[in-house]
Protein backbone atom coordinates (compact mmCIF):
# COMPACT_ATOMS: atom_id res chain seq x y z
CA MET A 1 -94.40 243.18 56.77
CA GLU A 2 -93.30 243.26 60.40
CA ASP A 3 -89.85 241.93 61.39
CA LYS A 4 -90.05 238.93 63.68
CA PRO A 5 -87.39 237.88 66.17
CA VAL A 6 -85.03 235.15 65.01
CA THR A 7 -85.71 231.80 66.63
CA THR A 8 -83.65 228.63 66.78
CA GLU A 9 -86.73 226.40 66.82
CA ARG A 10 -86.65 224.00 63.86
CA VAL A 11 -89.34 222.10 62.00
CA GLN A 12 -88.57 219.20 59.67
CA VAL A 13 -90.84 219.01 56.65
CA GLU A 14 -91.01 217.00 53.48
CA LEU A 15 -92.55 218.40 50.32
CA PRO A 16 -92.75 217.48 46.66
CA LEU A 17 -89.91 218.74 44.47
CA GLU A 18 -92.44 220.65 42.38
CA VAL A 19 -93.54 222.62 45.44
CA LEU A 20 -89.93 223.48 46.32
CA GLN A 21 -89.34 224.63 42.75
CA ARG A 22 -92.45 226.82 42.83
CA LEU A 23 -91.57 228.36 46.21
CA LEU A 24 -88.10 229.23 44.98
CA ARG A 25 -89.29 230.49 41.60
CA GLU A 26 -91.91 232.75 43.18
CA ARG A 27 -89.39 233.97 45.77
CA ASN A 28 -91.50 232.66 48.66
CA LEU A 29 -88.47 230.74 49.92
CA VAL A 30 -84.80 231.54 49.55
CA ALA A 31 -81.94 229.05 49.60
CA SER A 32 -80.49 230.37 52.84
CA GLU A 33 -83.75 229.54 54.65
CA PHE A 34 -83.55 225.77 54.25
CA ARG A 35 -81.10 222.90 54.32
CA CYS A 36 -81.36 219.41 52.95
CA LEU A 37 -80.97 216.48 55.31
CA ASN A 38 -79.37 213.96 52.94
CA ASN A 39 -77.37 213.81 49.70
CA ARG A 40 -80.31 212.94 47.48
CA SER A 41 -82.36 215.85 48.80
CA SER A 42 -79.36 218.14 48.51
CA ARG A 43 -78.90 217.33 44.83
CA ALA A 44 -82.60 217.91 44.17
CA GLY A 45 -82.52 221.15 46.17
CA TRP A 46 -79.58 222.48 44.19
CA ARG A 47 -81.31 221.50 40.95
CA ALA A 48 -84.49 223.32 42.03
CA LEU A 49 -82.48 226.39 43.02
CA LYS A 50 -80.62 226.41 39.70
CA GLU A 51 -83.88 226.09 37.75
CA SER A 52 -85.44 228.93 39.74
CA LEU A 53 -82.51 231.21 38.92
CA LEU A 54 -82.42 230.33 35.23
CA GLY A 55 -86.14 230.76 34.83
């Protein structure tokens, strides 16, 4: 895979928790690549990350 230049352009997306869990579990997304925009999403994001690490 070719390295791409880092960009500061941002895109806000919303996706089902199940999709986030799958992306993390399959290593298609890593925690450092996203941030949650509110407390509720942050709690769910941490839960999804924890579940992906524990299998």
